[in-house]
Amino acid sequence: MYGHDGRRIRLMYVDDNNVAVEREIAALRAAWEGLRGADWAPGAEADRRIARKSTREGSVVTAMSWALISVLAATLLFIALLFTEDSAMSPEWILITPVVTFFVVWIGSRLRNGSR
């Protein structure tokens, strides 16, 4: 749930272990809509803050995904180079590649989304 300023608020005990989440959220939404009043309007600043946070989280998830894929690619490349007896790649690159990939994808994603 988000507060009036766009900050995330954690609802205690609203999870799959304690309640039927869809039903509970529908009940909370109905109560909120009934109590908020006819003059209520969504806050533009809260919407911007929520969108910005969602964009940041998406950038990190995308960068982590590419970093994990790069570990597999670097490992396979290293193994292939072992069998060809080519010493063009040292084992450290298996660890360096995902870090570099993470930052390149993360920064690129932030720039593409306008650093919101």
PDB file of N, CA and C in Angstrom:
ATOM      1  N   MET A   1       0.847  -1.156   0.000  1.00  0.00           N
ATOM      2  CA  MET A   1       0.000   0.000   0.000  1.00  0.00           C
ATOM      3  C   MET A   1       0.902   1.231   0.000  1.00  0.00           C
ATOM      4  N   TYR A   2       0.406   2.318  -0.552  1.00  0.00           N
ATOM      5  CA  TYR A   2       1.155   3.564  -0.590  1.00  0.00           C
ATOM      6  C   TYR A   2       0.405   4.637   0.181  1.00  0.00           C
ATOM      7  N   GLY A   3       1.129   5.457   0.906  1.00  0.00           N
ATOM      8  CA  GLY A   3       0.541   6.562   1.649  1.00  0.00           C
ATOM      9  C   GLY A   3       0.261   7.744   0.741  1.00  0.00           C
ATOM     10  N   HIS A   4      -0.274   8.815   1.306  1.00  0.00           N
ATOM     11  CA  HIS A   4      -0.628   9.993   0.520  1.00  0.00           C
ATOM     12  C   HIS A   4       0.589  10.657  -0.114  1.00  0.00           C
ATOM     13  N   ASP A   5       1.779  10.431   0.433  1.00  0.00           N
ATOM     14  CA  ASP A   5       2.985  11.035  -0.124  1.00  0.00           C
ATOM     15  C   ASP A   5       3.729  10.106  -1.081  1.00  0.00           C
ATOM     16  N   GLY A   6       3.181   8.921  -1.337  1.00  0.00           N
ATOM     17  CA  GLY A   6       3.797   7.982  -2.272  1.00  0.00           C
ATOM     18  C   GLY A   6       4.752   7.004  -1.630  1.00  0.00           C
ATOM     19  N   ARG A   7       4.912   7.074  -0.325  1.00  0.00           N
ATOM     20  CA  ARG A   7       5.796   6.127   0.366  1.00  0.00           C
ATOM     21  C   ARG A   7       5.066   4.811   0.592  1.00  0.00           C
ATOM     22  N   ARG A   8       5.808   3.728   0.488  1.00  0.00           N
ATOM     23  CA  ARG A   8       5.233   2.410   0.666  1.00  0.00           C
ATOM     24  C   ARG A   8       4.952   2.149   2.143  1.00  0.00           C
ATOM     25  N   ILE A   9       3.772   1.608   2.417  1.00  0.00           N
ATOM     26  CA  ILE A   9       3.372   1.244   3.777  1.00  0.00           C
ATOM     27  C   ILE A   9       3.117  -0.261   3.792  1.00  0.00           C
ATOM     28  N   ARG A  10       3.744  -0.937   4.717  1.00  0.00           N
ATOM     29  CA  ARG A  10       3.581  -2.390   4.812  1.00  0.00           C
ATOM     30  C   ARG A  10       2.365  -2.710   5.674  1.00  0.00           C
ATOM     31  N   LEU A  11       1.458  -3.499   5.129  1.00  0.00           N
ATOM     32  CA  LEU A  11       0.278  -3.914   5.875  1.00  0.00           C
ATOM     33  C   LEU A  11       0.621  -5.203   6.619  1.00  0.00           C
ATOM     34  N   MET A  12       0.565  -5.140   7.915  1.00  0.00           N
ATOM     35  CA  MET A  12       0.918  -6.297   8.735  1.00  0.00           C
ATOM     36  C   MET A  12      -0.100  -7.419   8.541  1.00  0.00           C
ATOM     37  N   TYR A  13       0.397  -8.609   8.445  1.00  0.00           N
ATOM     38  CA  TYR A  13      -0.398  -9.831   8.350  1.00  0.00           C
ATOM     39  C   TYR A  13      -1.230  -9.942   7.073  1.00  0.00           C
ATOM     40  N   VAL A  14      -0.978  -9.102   6.089  1.00  0.00           N
ATOM     41  CA  VAL A  14      -1.648  -9.259   4.802  1.00  0.00           C
ATOM     42  C   VAL A  14      -0.664  -9.981   3.891  1.00  0.00           C
ATOM     43  N   ASP A  15      -0.664 -11.274   4.001  1.00  0.00           N
ATOM     44  CA  ASP A  15       0.185 -12.115   3.173  1.00  0.00           C
ATOM     45  C   ASP A  15      -0.514 -13.449   2.967  1.00  0.00           C
ATOM     46  N   ASP A  16       0.062 -14.290   2.148  1.00  0.00           N
ATOM     47  CA  ASP A  16      -0.570 -15.579   1.815  1.00  0.00           C
ATOM     48  C   ASP A  16      -0.660 -16.519   3.003  1.00  0.00           C
ATOM     49  N   ASN A  17       0.128 -16.289   4.041  1.00  0.00           N
ATOM     50  CA  ASN A  17       0.111 -17.188   5.198  1.00  0.00           C
ATOM     51  C   ASN A  17      -1.031 -16.898   6.155  1.00  0.00           C
ATOM     52  N   ASN A  18      -1.489 -15.660   6.216  1.00  0.00           N
ATOM     53  CA  ASN A  18      -2.466 -15.277   7.226  1.00  0.00           C
ATOM     54  C   ASN A  18      -3.869 -15.007   6.693  1.00  0.00           C
ATOM     55  N   VAL A  19      -3.997 -14.564   5.461  1.00  0.00           N
ATOM     56  CA  VAL A  19      -5.311 -14.221   4.914  1.00  0.00           C
ATOM     57  C   VAL A  19      -5.373 -14.597   3.441  1.00  0.00           C
ATOM     58  N   ALA A  20      -6.594 -14.570   2.921  1.00  0.00           N
ATOM     59  CA  ALA A  20      -6.785 -14.698   1.472  1.00  0.00           C
ATOM     60  C   ALA A  20      -6.518 -13.299   0.901  1.00  0.00           C
ATOM     61  N   VAL A  21      -5.371 -13.105   0.309  1.00  0.00           N
ATOM     62  CA  VAL A  21      -4.884 -11.778  -0.049  1.00  0.00           C
ATOM     63  C   VAL A  21      -5.843 -11.032  -0.966  1.00  0.00           C
ATOM     64  N   GLU A  22      -6.318 -11.659  -2.040  1.00  0.00           N
ATOM     65  CA  GLU A  22      -7.190 -10.962  -2.982  1.00  0.00           C
ATOM     66  C   GLU A  22      -8.463 -10.476  -2.294  1.00  0.00           C
ATOM     67  N   ARG A  23      -9.056 -11.324  -1.474  1.00  0.00           N
ATOM     68  CA  ARG A  23     -10.286 -10.957  -0.776  1.00  0.00           C
ATOM     69  C   ARG A  23     -10.020  -9.827   0.227  1.00  0.00           C
ATOM     70  N   GLU A  24      -8.903  -9.915   0.951  1.00  0.00           N
ATOM     71  CA  GLU A  24      -8.578  -8.903   1.951  1.00  0.00           C
ATOM     72  C   GLU A  24      -8.287  -7.553   1.302  1.00  0.00           C
ATOM     73  N   ILE A  25      -7.561  -7.564   0.201  1.00  0.00           N
ATOM     74  CA  ILE A  25      -7.261  -6.319  -0.502  1.00  0.00           C
ATOM     75  C   ILE A  25      -8.532  -5.711  -1.072  1.00  0.00           C
ATOM     76  N   ALA A  26      -9.433  -6.541  -1.590  1.00  0.00           N
ATOM     77  CA  ALA A  26     -10.715  -6.030  -2.099  1.00  0.00           C
ATOM     78  C   ALA A  26     -11.519  -5.378  -0.974  1.00  0.00           C
ATOM     79  N   ALA A  27     -11.514  -5.977   0.214  1.00  0.00           N
ATOM     80  CA  ALA A  27     -12.235  -5.398   1.358  1.00  0.00           C
ATOM     81  C   ALA A  27     -11.592  -4.082   1.794  1.00  0.00           C
ATOM     82  N   LEU A  28     -10.262  -4.039   1.848  1.00  0.00           N
ATOM     83  CA  LEU A  28      -9.571  -2.801   2.205  1.00  0.00           C
ATOM     84  C   LEU A  28      -9.832  -1.694   1.184  1.00  0.00           C
ATOM     85  N   ARG A  29      -9.801  -2.054  -0.099  1.00  0.00           N
ATOM     86  CA  ARG A  29     -10.046  -1.067  -1.151  1.00  0.00           C
ATOM     87  C   ARG A  29     -11.479  -0.536  -1.071  1.00  0.00           C
ATOM     88  N   ALA A  30     -12.436  -1.428  -0.828  1.00  0.00           N
ATOM     89  CA  ALA A  30     -13.836  -0.992  -0.723  1.00  0.00           C
ATOM     90  C   ALA A  30     -14.018  -0.050   0.463  1.00  0.00           C
ATOM     91  N   ALA A  31     -13.410  -0.368   1.595  1.00  0.00           N
ATOM     92  CA  ALA A  31     -13.511   0.507   2.770  1.00  0.00           C
ATOM     93  C   ALA A  31     -12.853   1.854   2.489  1.00  0.00           C
ATOM     94  N   TRP A  32     -11.698   1.846   1.846  1.00  0.00           N
ATOM     95  CA  TRP A  32     -10.991   3.081   1.533  1.00  0.00           C
ATOM     96  C   TRP A  32     -11.815   3.945   0.575  1.00  0.00           C
ATOM     97  N   GLU A  33     -12.361   3.321  -0.472  1.00  0.00           N
ATOM     98  CA  GLU A  33     -13.150   4.081  -1.445  1.00  0.00           C
ATOM     99  C   GLU A  33     -14.400   4.662  -0.803  1.00  0.00           C
ATOM    100  N   GLY A  34     -14.969   3.946   0.164  1.00  0.00           N
ATOM    101  CA  GLY A  34     -16.152   4.446   0.850  1.00  0.00           C
ATOM    102  C   GLY A  34     -15.844   5.602   1.789  1.00  0.00           C
ATOM    103  N   LEU A  35     -14.659   5.626   2.365  1.00  0.00           N
ATOM    104  CA  LEU A  35     -14.305   6.643   3.355  1.00  0.00           C
ATOM    105  C   LEU A  35     -13.537   7.843   2.792  1.00  0.00           C
ATOM    106  N   ARG A  36     -13.044   7.745   1.583  1.00  0.00           N
ATOM    107  CA  ARG A  36     -12.162   8.797   1.084  1.00  0.00           C
ATOM    108  C   ARG A  36     -12.905  10.072   0.694  1.00  0.00           C
ATOM    109  N   GLY A  37     -14.163  10.001   0.438  1.00  0.00           N
ATOM    110  CA  GLY A  37     -14.943  11.191   0.110  1.00  0.00           C
ATOM    111  C   GLY A  37     -15.030  11.444  -1.378  1.00  0.00           C
ATOM    112  N   ALA A  38     -16.033  12.245  -1.748  1.00  0.00           N
ATOM    113  CA  ALA A  38     -16.290  12.505  -3.163  1.00  0.00           C
ATOM    114  C   ALA A  38     -15.275  13.468  -3.767  1.00  0.00           C
ATOM    115  N   ASP A  39     -14.636  14.306  -2.937  1.00  0.00           N
ATOM    116  CA  ASP A  39     -13.696  15.292  -3.466  1.00  0.00           C
ATOM    117  C   ASP A  39     -12.268  14.771  -3.567  1.00  0.00           C
ATOM    118  N   TRP A  40     -12.066  13.492  -3.331  1.00  0.00           N
ATOM    119  CA  TRP A  40     -10.726  12.912  -3.386  1.00  0.00           C
ATOM    120  C   TRP A  40     -10.212  12.884  -4.821  1.00  0.00           C
ATOM    121  N   ALA A  41      -8.947  13.185  -4.972  1.00  0.00           N
ATOM    122  CA  ALA A  41      -8.272  13.089  -6.275  1.00  0.00           C
ATOM    123  C   ALA A  41      -6.880  12.521  -6.028  1.00  0.00           C
ATOM    124  N   PRO A  42      -6.385  11.709  -6.951  1.00  0.00           N
ATOM    125  CA  PRO A  42      -5.039  11.158  -6.761  1.00  0.00           C
ATOM    126  C   PRO A  42      -3.997  12.273  -6.718  1.00  0.00           C
ATOM    127  N   GLY A  43      -2.983  12.066  -5.873  1.00  0.00           N
ATOM    128  CA  GLY A  43      -1.904  13.044  -5.755  1.00  0.00           C
ATOM    129  C   GLY A  43      -0.876  12.851  -6.850  1.00  0.00           C
ATOM    130  N   ALA A  44      -0.603  13.911  -7.590  1.00  0.00           N
ATOM    131  CA  ALA A  44       0.353  13.821  -8.695  1.00  0.00           C
ATOM    132  C   ALA A  44       1.755  13.495  -8.188  1.00  0.00           C
ATOM    133  N   GLU A  45       2.146  14.091  -7.068  1.00  0.00           N
ATOM    134  CA  GLU A  45       3.479  13.834  -6.521  1.00  0.00           C
ATOM    135  C   GLU A  45       3.612  12.385  -6.068  1.00  0.00           C
ATOM    136  N   ALA A  46       2.569  11.852  -5.452  1.00  0.00           N
ATOM    137  CA  ALA A  46       2.603  10.450  -5.014  1.00  0.00           C
ATOM    138  C   ALA A  46       2.712   9.524  -6.224  1.00  0.00           C
ATOM    139  N   ASP A  47       1.963   9.817  -7.275  1.00  0.00           N
ATOM    140  CA  ASP A  47       2.041   8.996  -8.492  1.00  0.00           C
ATOM    141  C   ASP A  47       3.437   9.039  -9.104  1.00  0.00           C
ATOM    142  N   ARG A  48       4.042  10.229  -9.133  1.00  0.00           N
ATOM    143  CA  ARG A  48       5.407  10.344  -9.670  1.00  0.00           C
ATOM    144  C   ARG A  48       6.395   9.562  -8.825  1.00  0.00           C
ATOM    145  N   ARG A  49       6.238   9.642  -7.507  1.00  0.00           N
ATOM    146  CA  ARG A  49       7.152   8.941  -6.604  1.00  0.00           C
ATOM    147  C   ARG A  49       7.027   7.416  -6.779  1.00  0.00           C
ATOM    148  N   ILE A  50       5.804   6.924  -6.907  1.00  0.00           N
ATOM    149  CA  ILE A  50       5.579   5.491  -7.106  1.00  0.00           C
ATOM    150  C   ILE A  50       6.175   5.052  -8.436  1.00  0.00           C
ATOM    151  N   ALA A  51       5.961   5.828  -9.491  1.00  0.00           N
ATOM    152  CA  ALA A  51       6.506   5.480 -10.809  1.00  0.00           C
ATOM    153  C   ALA A  51       8.029   5.489 -10.792  1.00  0.00           C
ATOM    154  N   ARG A  52       8.615   6.473 -10.116  1.00  0.00           N
ATOM    155  CA  ARG A  52      10.083   6.558 -10.027  1.00  0.00           C
ATOM    156  C   ARG A  52      10.665   5.351  -9.306  1.00  0.00           C
ATOM    157  N   LYS A  53      10.025   4.952  -8.201  1.00  0.00           N
ATOM    158  CA  LYS A  53      10.500   3.793  -7.450  1.00  0.00           C
ATOM    159  C   LYS A  53      10.367   2.522  -8.287  1.00  0.00           C
ATOM    160  N   SER A  54       9.266   2.395  -8.993  1.00  0.00           N
ATOM    161  CA  SER A  54       9.064   1.233  -9.854  1.00  0.00           C
ATOM    162  C   SER A  54      10.120   1.168 -10.957  1.00  0.00           C
ATOM    163  N   THR A  55      10.463   2.315 -11.518  1.00  0.00           N
ATOM    164  CA  THR A  55      11.495   2.373 -12.557  1.00  0.00           C
ATOM    165  C   THR A  55      12.854   1.975 -12.002  1.00  0.00           C
ATOM    166  N   ARG A  56      13.178   2.483 -10.805  1.00  0.00           N
ATOM    167  CA  ARG A  56      14.464   2.121 -10.184  1.00  0.00           C
ATOM    168  C   ARG A  56      14.534   0.628  -9.913  1.00  0.00           C
ATOM    169  N   GLU A  57      13.466   0.067  -9.368  1.00  0.00           N
ATOM    170  CA  GLU A  57      13.465  -1.366  -9.077  1.00  0.00           C
ATOM    171  C   GLU A  57      13.577  -2.181 -10.355  1.00  0.00           C
ATOM    172  N   GLY A  58      12.900  -1.744 -11.410  1.00  0.00           N
ATOM    173  CA  GLY A  58      12.987  -2.438 -12.694  1.00  0.00           C
ATOM    174  C   GLY A  58      14.394  -2.404 -13.268  1.00  0.00           C
ATOM    175  N   SER A  59      15.082  -1.277 -13.100  1.00  0.00           N
ATOM    176  CA  SER A  59      16.455  -1.163 -13.591  1.00  0.00           C
ATOM    177  C   SER A  59      17.378  -2.138 -12.876  1.00  0.00           C
ATOM    178  N   VAL A  60      17.211  -2.257 -11.573  1.00  0.00           N
ATOM    179  CA  VAL A  60      18.059  -3.169 -10.797  1.00  0.00           C
ATOM    180  C   VAL A  60      17.767  -4.621 -11.163  1.00  0.00           C
ATOM    181  N   VAL A  61      16.498  -4.969 -11.320  1.00  0.00           N
ATOM    182  CA  VAL A  61      16.142  -6.347 -11.676  1.00  0.00           C
ATOM    183  C   VAL A  61      16.700  -6.704 -13.056  1.00  0.00           C
ATOM    184  N   THR A  62      16.583  -5.786 -14.000  1.00  0.00           N
ATOM    185  CA  THR A  62      17.125  -6.027 -15.337  1.00  0.00           C
ATOM    186  C   THR A  62      18.639  -6.213 -15.286  1.00  0.00           C
ATOM    187  N   ALA A  63      19.321  -5.354 -14.545  1.00  0.00           N
ATOM    188  CA  ALA A  63      20.782  -5.451 -14.440  1.00  0.00           C
ATOM    189  C   ALA A  63      21.195  -6.753 -13.759  1.00  0.00           C
ATOM    190  N   MET A  64      20.476  -7.163 -12.722  1.00  0.00           N
ATOM    191  CA  MET A  64      20.801  -8.426 -12.048  1.00  0.00           C
ATOM    192  C   MET A  64      20.598  -9.616 -12.979  1.00  0.00           C
ATOM    193  N   SER A  65      19.546  -9.580 -13.763  1.00  0.00           N
ATOM    194  CA  SER A  65      19.291 -10.670 -14.710  1.00  0.00           C
ATOM    195  C   SER A  65      20.426 -10.797 -15.717  1.00  0.00           C
ATOM    196  N   TRP A  66      20.835  -9.679 -16.283  1.00  0.00           N
ATOM    197  CA  TRP A  66      21.932  -9.712 -17.248  1.00  0.00           C
ATOM    198  C   TRP A  66      23.240 -10.141 -16.590  1.00  0.00           C
ATOM    199  N   ALA A  67      23.458  -9.726 -15.345  1.00  0.00           N
ATOM    200  CA  ALA A  67      24.674 -10.123 -14.637  1.00  0.00           C
ATOM    201  C   ALA A  67      24.700 -11.629 -14.418  1.00  0.00           C
ATOM    202  N   LEU A  68      23.571 -12.208 -14.046  1.00  0.00           N
ATOM    203  CA  LEU A  68      23.520 -13.657 -13.848  1.00  0.00           C
ATOM    204  C   LEU A  68      23.744 -14.410 -15.154  1.00  0.00           C
ATOM    205  N   ILE A  69      23.182 -13.900 -16.229  1.00  0.00           N
ATOM    206  CA  ILE A  69      23.396 -14.535 -17.532  1.00  0.00           C
ATOM    207  C   ILE A  69      24.870 -14.431 -17.932  1.00  0.00           C
ATOM    208  N   SER A  70      25.501 -13.302 -17.598  1.00  0.00           N
ATOM    209  CA  SER A  70      26.908 -13.128 -17.966  1.00  0.00           C
ATOM    210  C   SER A  70      27.822 -14.082 -17.198  1.00  0.00           C
ATOM    211  N   VAL A  71      27.437 -14.491 -15.992  1.00  0.00           N
ATOM    212  CA  VAL A  71      28.228 -15.487 -15.258  1.00  0.00           C
ATOM    213  C   VAL A  71      28.254 -16.787 -16.051  1.00  0.00           C
ATOM    214  N   LEU A  72      27.089 -17.204 -16.513  1.00  0.00           N
ATOM    215  CA  LEU A  72      27.004 -18.434 -17.308  1.00  0.00           C
ATOM    216  C   LEU A  72      27.815 -18.298 -18.598  1.00  0.00           C
ATOM    217  N   ALA A  73      27.671 -17.168 -19.276  1.00  0.00           N
ATOM    218  CA  ALA A  73      28.403 -16.966 -20.531  1.00  0.00           C
ATOM    219  C   ALA A  73      29.915 -16.949 -20.299  1.00  0.00           C
ATOM    220  N   ALA A  74      30.367 -16.266 -19.259  1.00  0.00           N
ATOM    221  CA  ALA A  74      31.806 -16.204 -18.974  1.00  0.00           C
ATOM    222  C   ALA A  74      32.347 -17.574 -18.593  1.00  0.00           C
ATOM    223  N   THR A  75      31.568 -18.332 -17.832  1.00  0.00           N
ATOM    224  CA  THR A  75      31.999 -19.682 -17.443  1.00  0.00           C
ATOM    225  C   THR A  75      32.118 -20.586 -18.666  1.00  0.00           C
ATOM    226  N   LEU A  76      31.112 -20.544 -19.531  1.00  0.00           N
ATOM    227  CA  LEU A  76      31.160 -21.371 -20.748  1.00  0.00           C
ATOM    228  C   LEU A  76      32.317 -20.959 -21.654  1.00  0.00           C
ATOM    229  N   LEU A  77      32.550 -19.668 -21.778  1.00  0.00           N
ATOM    230  CA  LEU A  77      33.674 -19.200 -22.584  1.00  0.00           C
ATOM    231  C   LEU A  77      35.001 -19.650 -21.992  1.00  0.00           C
ATOM    232  N   PHE A  78      35.136 -19.562 -20.677  1.00  0.00           N
ATOM    233  CA  PHE A  78      36.356 -19.989 -20.008  1.00  0.00           C
ATOM    234  C   PHE A  78      36.601 -21.481 -20.241  1.00  0.00           C
ATOM    235  N   ILE A  79      35.552 -22.289 -20.095  1.00  0.00           N
ATOM    236  CA  ILE A  79      35.693 -23.742 -20.313  1.00  0.00           C
ATOM    237  C   ILE A  79      36.055 -24.026 -21.759  1.00  0.00           C
ATOM    238  N   ALA A  80      35.422 -23.329 -22.696  1.00  0.00           N
ATOM    239  CA  ALA A  80      35.738 -23.540 -24.113  1.00  0.00           C
ATOM    240  C   ALA A  80      37.191 -23.180 -24.395  1.00  0.00           C
ATOM    241  N   LEU A  81      37.666 -22.101 -23.796  1.00  0.00           N
ATOM    242  CA  LEU A  81      39.057 -21.702 -24.018  1.00  0.00           C
ATOM    243  C   LEU A  81      40.042 -22.662 -23.352  1.00  0.00           C
ATOM    244  N   LEU A  82      39.609 -23.349 -22.280  1.00  0.00           N
ATOM    245  CA  LEU A  82      40.470 -24.355 -21.652  1.00  0.00           C
ATOM    246  C   LEU A  82      40.744 -25.511 -22.607  1.00  0.00           C
ATOM    247  N   PHE A  83      39.710 -25.912 -23.335  1.00  0.00           N
ATOM    248  CA  PHE A  83      39.865 -27.042 -24.250  1.00  0.00           C
ATOM    249  C   PHE A  83      40.628 -26.671 -25.512  1.00  0.00           C
ATOM    250  N   THR A  84      40.683 -25.407 -25.839  1.00  0.00           N
ATOM    251  CA  THR A  84      41.438 -24.987 -27.018  1.00  0.00           C
ATOM    252  C   THR A  84      42.865 -24.590 -26.651  1.00  0.00           C
ATOM    253  N   GLU A  85      43.193 -24.681 -25.361  1.00  0.00           N
ATOM    254  CA  GLU A  85      44.507 -24.340 -24.849  1.00  0.00           C
ATOM    255  C   GLU A  85      44.891 -22.898 -25.164  1.00  0.00           C
ATOM    256  N   ASP A  86      43.902 -22.064 -25.228  1.00  0.00           N
ATOM    257  CA  ASP A  86      44.143 -20.642 -25.442  1.00  0.00           C
ATOM    258  C   ASP A  86      44.079 -19.964 -24.075  1.00  0.00           C
ATOM    259  N   SER A  87      45.089 -19.207 -23.751  1.00  0.00           N
ATOM    260  CA  SER A  87      45.137 -18.570 -22.434  1.00  0.00           C
ATOM    261  C   SER A  87      44.670 -17.113 -22.512  1.00  0.00           C
ATOM    262  N   ALA A  88      43.687 -16.859 -23.342  1.00  0.00           N
ATOM    263  CA  ALA A  88      43.215 -15.490 -23.542  1.00  0.00           C
ATOM    264  C   ALA A  88      42.330 -14.997 -22.401  1.00  0.00           C
ATOM    265  N   MET A  89      41.855 -15.910 -21.558  1.00  0.00           N
ATOM    266  CA  MET A  89      40.939 -15.507 -20.500  1.00  0.00           C
ATOM    267  C   MET A  89      41.360 -16.149 -19.190  1.00  0.00           C
ATOM    268  N   SER A  90      41.521 -15.342 -18.159  1.00  0.00           N
ATOM    269  CA  SER A  90      41.863 -15.890 -16.848  1.00  0.00           C
ATOM    270  C   SER A  90      40.580 -16.116 -16.052  1.00  0.00           C
ATOM    271  N   PRO A  91      40.624 -16.968 -15.023  1.00  0.00           N
ATOM    272  CA  PRO A  91      39.418 -17.292 -14.260  1.00  0.00           C
ATOM    273  C   PRO A  91      38.790 -16.091 -13.542  1.00  0.00           C
ATOM    274  N   GLU A  92      39.575 -15.055 -13.283  1.00  0.00           N
ATOM    275  CA  GLU A  92      39.022 -13.892 -12.599  1.00  0.00           C
ATOM    276  C   GLU A  92      37.897 -13.228 -13.398  1.00  0.00           C
ATOM    277  N   TRP A  93      37.933 -13.403 -14.709  1.00  0.00           N
ATOM    278  CA  TRP A  93      36.918 -12.776 -15.555  1.00  0.00           C
ATOM    279  C   TRP A  93      35.538 -13.346 -15.307  1.00  0.00           C
ATOM    280  N   ILE A  94      35.467 -14.552 -14.758  1.00  0.00           N
ATOM    281  CA  ILE A  94      34.158 -15.128 -14.421  1.00  0.00           C
ATOM    282  C   ILE A  94      33.502 -14.294 -13.324  1.00  0.00           C
ATOM    283  N   LEU A  95      34.298 -13.678 -12.460  1.00  0.00           N
ATOM    284  CA  LEU A  95      33.764 -12.828 -11.395  1.00  0.00           C
ATOM    285  C   LEU A  95      33.672 -11.356 -11.806  1.00  0.00           C
ATOM    286  N   ILE A  96      34.578 -10.922 -12.660  1.00  0.00           N
ATOM    287  CA  ILE A  96      34.592  -9.520 -13.076  1.00  0.00           C
ATOM    288  C   ILE A  96      33.468  -9.233 -14.068  1.00  0.00           C
ATOM    289  N   THR A  97      33.203 -10.161 -14.963  1.00  0.00           N
ATOM    290  CA  THR A  97      32.199  -9.957 -16.011  1.00  0.00           C
ATOM    291  C   THR A  97      30.821  -9.591 -15.469  1.00  0.00           C
ATOM    292  N   PRO A  98      30.286 -10.308 -14.459  1.00  0.00           N
ATOM    293  CA  PRO A  98      28.944  -9.927 -13.983  1.00  0.00           C
ATOM    294  C   PRO A  98      28.905  -8.553 -13.321  1.00  0.00           C
ATOM    295  N   VAL A  99      29.979  -8.166 -12.657  1.00  0.00           N
ATOM    296  CA  VAL A  99      30.006  -6.847 -12.009  1.00  0.00           C
ATOM    297  C   VAL A  99      29.976  -5.754 -13.076  1.00  0.00           C
ATOM    298  N   VAL A 100      30.817  -5.912 -14.077  1.00  0.00           N
ATOM    299  CA  VAL A 100      30.857  -4.930 -15.161  1.00  0.00           C
ATOM    300  C   VAL A 100      29.519  -4.917 -15.894  1.00  0.00           C
ATOM    301  N   THR A 101      28.975  -6.098 -16.184  1.00  0.00           N
ATOM    302  CA  THR A 101      27.694  -6.198 -16.877  1.00  0.00           C
ATOM    303  C   THR A 101      26.591  -5.527 -16.080  1.00  0.00           C
ATOM    304  N   PHE A 102      26.563  -5.766 -14.760  1.00  0.00           N
ATOM    305  CA  PHE A 102      25.535  -5.161 -13.916  1.00  0.00           C
ATOM    306  C   PHE A 102      25.560  -3.648 -14.043  1.00  0.00           C
ATOM    307  N   PHE A 103      26.735  -3.054 -13.875  1.00  0.00           N
ATOM    308  CA  PHE A 103      26.816  -1.588 -13.899  1.00  0.00           C
ATOM    309  C   PHE A 103      26.523  -1.010 -15.279  1.00  0.00           C
ATOM    310  N   VAL A 104      26.983  -1.676 -16.334  1.00  0.00           N
ATOM    311  CA  VAL A 104      26.708  -1.182 -17.683  1.00  0.00           C
ATOM    312  C   VAL A 104      25.210  -1.217 -17.973  1.00  0.00           C
ATOM    313  N   VAL A 105      24.556  -2.340 -17.657  1.00  0.00           N
ATOM    314  CA  VAL A 105      23.115  -2.461 -17.923  1.00  0.00           C
ATOM    315  C   VAL A 105      22.318  -1.534 -17.015  1.00  0.00           C
ATOM    316  N   TRP A 106      22.714  -1.432 -15.749  1.00  0.00           N
ATOM    317  CA  TRP A 106      21.988  -0.584 -14.798  1.00  0.00           C
ATOM    318  C   TRP A 106      22.063   0.884 -15.210  1.00  0.00           C
ATOM    319  N   ILE A 107      23.272   1.352 -15.543  1.00  0.00           N
ATOM    320  CA  ILE A 107      23.430   2.747 -15.957  1.00  0.00           C
ATOM    321  C   ILE A 107      22.712   2.988 -17.282  1.00  0.00           C
ATOM    322  N   GLY A 108      22.834   2.050 -18.212  1.00  0.00           N
ATOM    323  CA  GLY A 108      22.127   2.189 -19.489  1.00  0.00           C
ATOM    324  C   GLY A 108      20.623   2.231 -19.314  1.00  0.00           C
ATOM    325  N   SER A 109      20.105   1.407 -18.428  1.00  0.00           N
ATOM    326  CA  SER A 109      18.674   1.389 -18.160  1.00  0.00           C
ATOM    327  C   SER A 109      18.213   2.693 -17.523  1.00  0.00           C
ATOM    328  N   ARG A 110      19.016   3.219 -16.605  1.00  0.00           N
ATOM    329  CA  ARG A 110      18.682   4.493 -15.953  1.00  0.00           C
ATOM    330  C   ARG A 110      18.697   5.637 -16.972  1.00  0.00           C
ATOM    331  N   LEU A 111      19.692   5.637 -17.859  1.00  0.00           N
ATOM    332  CA  LEU A 111      19.776   6.685 -18.874  1.00  0.00           C
ATOM    333  C   LEU A 111      18.623   6.584 -19.863  1.00  0.00           C
ATOM    334  N   ARG A 112      18.279   5.342 -20.239  1.00  0.00           N
ATOM    335  CA  ARG A 112      17.186   5.127 -21.186  1.00  0.00           C
ATOM    336  C   ARG A 112      15.851   5.597 -20.606  1.00  0.00           C
ATOM    337  N   ASN A 113      15.672   5.409 -19.311  1.00  0.00           N
ATOM    338  CA  ASN A 113      14.414   5.804 -18.667  1.00  0.00           C
ATOM    339  C   ASN A 113      14.445   7.249 -18.187  1.00  0.00           C
ATOM    340  N   GLY A 114      15.459   7.984 -18.508  1.00  0.00           N
ATOM    341  CA  GLY A 114      15.519   9.395 -18.147  1.00  0.00           C
ATOM    342  C   GLY A 114      15.896   9.645 -16.709  1.00  0.00           C
ATOM    343  N   SER A 115      16.550   8.670 -16.048  1.00  0.00           N
ATOM    344  CA  SER A 115      17.018   8.803 -14.654  1.00  0.00           C
ATOM    345  C   SER A 115      15.904   9.275 -13.723  1.00  0.00           C
ATOM    346  N   ARG A 116      14.733   8.698 -13.888  1.00  0.00           N
ATOM    347  CA  ARG A 116      13.606   9.065 -13.017  1.00  0.00           C
ATOM    348  C   ARG A 116      13.748   8.461 -11.680  1.00  0.00           C
TER     349      ARG A 116
END
